[in-house]
Amino acid sequence: MFSWLNIEIDVSISSAAYIEWINLVFFYSVHVVIWVADTENTSLLHSRKLPSWLIAELRSDHAGEMGAVYIYKGILRVTRDTRVRQFATQHLKTEVKHLELMETLIGLEDQSIFIPLWRLAGFFTGAIPALFGANVIYATIHSVETFVDKHYQQQVDRLLNELEHKELAKVIEGCRQDEVQHRDEAKGFLLRSPGPLLRAWCWLVGFGSRNAVAVARWR
């Protein structure tokens, strides 16, 4: 009797383990199939349906939004100014949404290979001004967003001429309007007009932004 119970218990445990193993195999098999399908669909969408010039533009947009996220992370890492932290926190939320949006528009295989560089550059573009106070931060953000406004506007203008990409033009335009709002807020918070050194820094930020876009378009 006890022998039979021992066997029964062993069989029961083995059966439960076997069923659990089958469930796990099924679970991961389904997810692998879904992941492969998503990868193939993403590749099909971004590599075959979008022209090469547009993939390059979206790659630069994704890189730019990645940099923007890290600009605000850099500011928040350094500054202790309550007003600046509120400003940066609100803008960071918007830039995170933009980045998530860009990641739905361009496949992983088409994103810039220099993502670590864009993160680092963005972080220091935010952290360095934060060492020198609120006015330098606001001037920096104004400079960055002035460039982004023009960058997105050029894309919107071209997309509107492409009949098949008008919906994408609306998406980019929505991002552009957010960036314009950020630019205007930064300008409104400026405590005083930038002096020669700050103007030179802002020029450098704009120069860096233009060259980063050129590199990201390439790869």
Protein backbone atom coordinates (compact mmCIF):
# COMPACT_ATOMS: atom_id res chain seq x y z
CA MET A 1 0.00 0.00 0.00
CA PHE A 2 2.69 2.42 1.02
CA SER A 3 4.76 1.29 -1.92
CA TRP A 4 1.84 2.05 -4.22
CA LEU A 5 1.41 5.49 -2.61
CA ASN A 6 5.08 6.29 -3.14
CA ILE A 7 4.82 5.36 -6.78
CA GLU A 8 1.63 7.38 -7.14
CA ILE A 9 3.22 10.41 -5.56
CA ASP A 10 6.29 10.11 -7.77
CA VAL A 11 4.14 9.77 -10.88
CA SER A 12 2.03 12.76 -9.80
CA ILE A 13 5.10 14.93 -9.26
CA SER A 14 6.60 13.83 -12.55
CA SER A 15 3.35 14.54 -14.38
CA ALA A 16 3.09 18.01 -12.84
CA ALA A 17 6.68 18.77 -13.77
CA TYR A 18 6.11 17.46 -17.28
CA ILE A 19 2.97 19.58 -17.72
CA GLU A 20 4.80 22.66 -16.41
CA TRP A 21 7.66 21.99 -18.81
CA ILE A 22 5.22 21.68 -21.73
CA ASN A 23 3.56 24.95 -20.71
CA LEU A 24 6.90 26.73 -20.55
CA VAL A 25 7.95 25.40 -23.95
CA PHE A 26 4.64 26.48 -25.44
CA PHE A 27 4.83 29.92 -23.79
CA TYR A 28 8.32 30.69 -25.07
CA SER A 29 7.62 29.17 -28.49
CA VAL A 30 4.65 31.48 -28.95
CA HIS A 31 6.68 34.50 -27.89
CA VAL A 32 9.56 33.59 -30.17
CA VAL A 33 7.14 33.27 -33.09
CA ILE A 34 5.59 36.66 -32.23
CA TRP A 35 9.04 38.25 -31.90
CA VAL A 36 10.17 36.84 -35.26
CA ALA A 37 6.95 38.02 -36.89
CA ASP A 38 7.32 41.49 -35.42
CA THR A 39 10.93 41.66 -36.55
CA GLU A 40 10.00 40.60 -40.07
CA ASN A 41 7.09 43.05 -40.19
CA THR A 42 9.26 45.87 -38.89
CA SER A 43 11.96 45.08 -41.43
CA LEU A 44 9.36 44.92 -44.19
CA LEU A 45 7.79 48.20 -43.13
CA HIS A 46 10.97 50.19 -42.76
CA SER A 47 13.25 48.65 -45.34
CA ARG A 48 10.83 48.11 -48.23
CA LYS A 49 8.02 50.62 -47.86
CA LEU A 50 9.98 53.72 -46.89
CA PRO A 51 12.42 55.37 -49.29
CA SER A 52 16.05 55.52 -48.24
CA TRP A 53 16.02 59.30 -47.75
CA LEU A 54 13.12 59.00 -45.31
CA ILE A 55 14.77 56.21 -43.35
CA ALA A 56 17.84 58.46 -43.03
CA GLU A 57 15.67 61.34 -41.80
CA LEU A 58 13.87 59.16 -39.26
CA ARG A 59 17.22 57.81 -38.10
CA SER A 60 18.37 61.37 -37.44
CA ASP A 61 15.09 62.11 -35.62
CA HIS A 62 15.47 59.05 -33.42
CA ALA A 63 19.07 59.99 -32.63
CA GLY A 64 18.00 63.55 -31.87
CA GLU A 65 15.24 62.50 -29.52
CA MET A 66 17.64 60.13 -27.78
CA GLY A 67 20.03 63.05 -27.33
CA ALA A 68 17.21 65.27 -26.05
CA VAL A 69 16.23 62.72 -23.40
CA TYR A 70 19.82 62.68 -22.16
CA ILE A 71 20.12 66.47 -22.23
CA TYR A 72 17.41 66.67 -19.61
CA LYS A 73 18.89 63.75 -17.68
CA GLY A 74 22.17 65.65 -17.59
CA ILE A 75 20.45 68.79 -16.33
CA LEU A 76 18.60 66.89 -13.62
CA ARG A 77 21.77 65.11 -12.53
CA VAL A 78 23.53 68.42 -11.80
CA THR A 79 21.06 71.20 -10.99
CA ARG A 80 19.39 71.73 -7.63
CA ASP A 81 17.35 74.73 -8.78
CA THR A 82 13.70 73.86 -8.10
CA ARG A 83 12.33 75.83 -11.02
CA VAL A 84 14.87 74.37 -13.45
CA ARG A 85 14.16 70.85 -12.21
CA GLN A 86 10.43 71.33 -12.82
CA PHE A 87 11.19 72.70 -16.30
CA ALA A 88 13.53 69.80 -17.13
CA THR A 89 11.23 67.13 -15.67
CA GLN A 90 8.25 68.30 -17.72
CA HIS A 91 10.29 68.52 -20.91
CA LEU A 92 11.88 65.13 -20.26
CA LYS A 93 8.44 63.49 -20.21
CA THR A 94 7.68 64.96 -23.63
CA GLU A 95 11.02 63.89 -25.08
CA VAL A 96 10.57 60.34 -23.78
CA LYS A 97 7.23 60.20 -25.59
CA HIS A 98 8.89 61.49 -28.76
CA LEU A 99 11.61 58.85 -28.47
CA GLU A 100 9.05 56.08 -27.99
CA LEU A 101 7.18 57.38 -31.02
CA MET A 102 10.33 57.39 -33.15
CA GLU A 103 11.04 53.81 -32.12
CA THR A 104 7.68 52.81 -33.62
CA LEU A 105 8.57 54.56 -36.88
CA ILE A 106 12.02 53.15 -37.50
CA GLY A 107 13.19 49.57 -37.04
CA LEU A 108 16.10 48.66 -34.79
CA GLU A 109 18.16 47.67 -37.82
CA ASP A 110 17.81 51.18 -39.26
CA GLN A 111 18.69 53.12 -36.11
CA SER A 112 22.00 54.93 -35.80
CA ILE A 113 25.01 52.84 -34.83
CA PHE A 114 26.23 55.79 -32.74
CA ILE A 115 23.47 55.69 -30.11
CA PRO A 116 25.98 55.53 -27.20
CA LEU A 117 27.63 58.68 -28.57
CA TRP A 118 24.31 60.53 -28.84
CA ARG A 119 23.50 59.62 -25.25
CA LEU A 120 26.88 60.86 -24.03
CA ALA A 121 26.75 64.05 -26.10
CA GLY A 122 23.22 64.77 -24.92
CA PHE A 123 24.11 64.20 -21.28
CA PHE A 124 27.03 66.63 -21.36
CA THR A 125 25.04 69.17 -23.39
CA GLY A 126 22.70 69.27 -20.42
CA ALA A 127 25.13 68.74 -17.55
CA ILE A 128 27.72 71.36 -18.54
CA PRO A 129 25.27 74.30 -18.68
CA ALA A 130 23.76 73.13 -15.38
CA LEU A 131 27.14 73.77 -13.74
CA PHE A 132 26.80 77.45 -14.63
CA GLY A 133 23.23 78.14 -13.62
CA ALA A 134 19.70 78.52 -14.90
CA ASN A 135 20.36 81.18 -17.52
CA VAL A 136 22.91 79.00 -19.33
CA ILE A 137 20.50 76.06 -19.24
CA TYR A 138 17.65 78.06 -20.74
CA ALA A 139 19.90 79.55 -23.42
CA THR A 140 21.15 76.06 -24.31
CA ILE A 141 17.64 74.63 -24.61
CA HIS A 142 16.57 77.62 -26.70
CA SER A 143 19.50 76.98 -29.05
CA VAL A 144 18.80 73.25 -29.33
CA GLU A 145 15.08 73.69 -29.93
CA THR A 146 15.62 76.46 -32.48
CA PHE A 147 17.65 73.98 -34.52
CA VAL A 148 15.13 71.14 -34.02
CA ASP A 149 12.26 73.38 -35.13
CA LYS A 150 14.00 74.08 -38.45
CA HIS A 151 15.05 70.44 -38.82
CA TYR A 152 11.51 69.12 -38.38
CA GLN A 153 10.00 71.88 -40.51
CA GLN A 154 12.20 70.88 -43.46
CA GLN A 155 11.01 67.29 -43.09
CA VAL A 156 7.35 68.30 -42.84
CA ASP A 157 7.62 70.45 -45.96
CA ARG A 158 9.11 67.59 -47.95
CA LEU A 159 6.67 65.00 -46.61
CA LEU A 160 3.69 67.14 -47.53
CA ASN A 161 4.88 67.00 -51.13
CA GLU A 162 4.94 63.21 -50.91
CA LEU A 163 1.27 62.19 -51.17
CA GLU A 164 1.85 58.79 -49.57
CA HIS A 165 3.55 60.23 -46.48
CA LYS A 166 1.11 62.95 -45.36
CA GLU A 167 0.14 61.05 -42.21
CA LEU A 168 3.79 60.88 -41.22
CA ALA A 169 4.04 64.61 -41.85
CA LYS A 170 1.31 65.14 -39.25
CA VAL A 171 3.26 63.05 -36.72
CA ILE A 172 6.47 65.02 -37.28
CA GLU A 173 4.54 68.28 -37.14
CA GLY A 174 3.16 67.30 -33.75
CA CYS A 175 6.69 66.74 -32.48
CA ARG A 176 7.80 70.04 -33.99
CA GLN A 177 5.09 71.94 -32.17
CA ASP A 178 6.17 70.43 -28.86
CA GLU A 179 9.75 71.49 -29.54
CA VAL A 180 8.64 75.02 -30.42
CA GLN A 181 6.82 75.18 -27.10
CA HIS A 182 10.00 74.09 -25.33
CA ARG A 183 11.98 76.73 -27.22
CA ASP A 184 9.55 79.49 -26.29
CA GLU A 185 9.40 78.42 -22.65
CA ALA A 186 13.19 78.48 -22.43
CA LYS A 187 13.31 81.93 -23.99
CA GLY A 188 10.66 83.18 -21.58
CA PHE A 189 12.68 81.96 -18.58
CA LEU A 190 15.92 83.64 -19.67
CA LEU A 191 16.99 85.99 -16.90
CA ARG A 192 19.14 88.19 -19.13
CA SER A 193 20.41 88.34 -22.69
CA PRO A 194 23.32 85.98 -23.41
CA GLY A 195 26.77 87.55 -23.32
CA PRO A 196 29.61 86.77 -25.74
CA LEU A 197 30.69 83.55 -24.03
CA LEU A 198 27.16 82.19 -23.81
CA ARG A 199 26.49 83.09 -27.42
CA ALA A 200 29.65 81.22 -28.38
CA TRP A 201 28.48 78.18 -26.40
CA CYS A 202 25.06 78.30 -28.08
CA TRP A 203 26.73 78.52 -31.49
CA LEU A 204 28.77 75.44 -30.57
CA VAL A 205 25.58 73.61 -29.54
CA GLY A 206 23.96 74.46 -32.87
CA PHE A 207 27.08 73.43 -34.76
CA GLY A 208 27.16 70.12 -32.91
CA SER A 209 23.47 69.52 -33.59
CA ARG A 210 23.88 70.08 -37.33
CA ASN A 211 26.83 67.72 -37.55
CA ALA A 212 25.14 65.09 -35.40
CA VAL A 213 22.19 65.07 -37.80
CA ALA A 214 24.54 64.67 -40.75
CA VAL A 215 26.29 61.71 -39.11
CA ALA A 216 23.01 60.09 -38.03
CA ARG A 217 21.59 60.38 -41.54
CA TRP A 218 24.65 58.54 -42.79
CA ARG A 219 24.48 55.82 -40.10
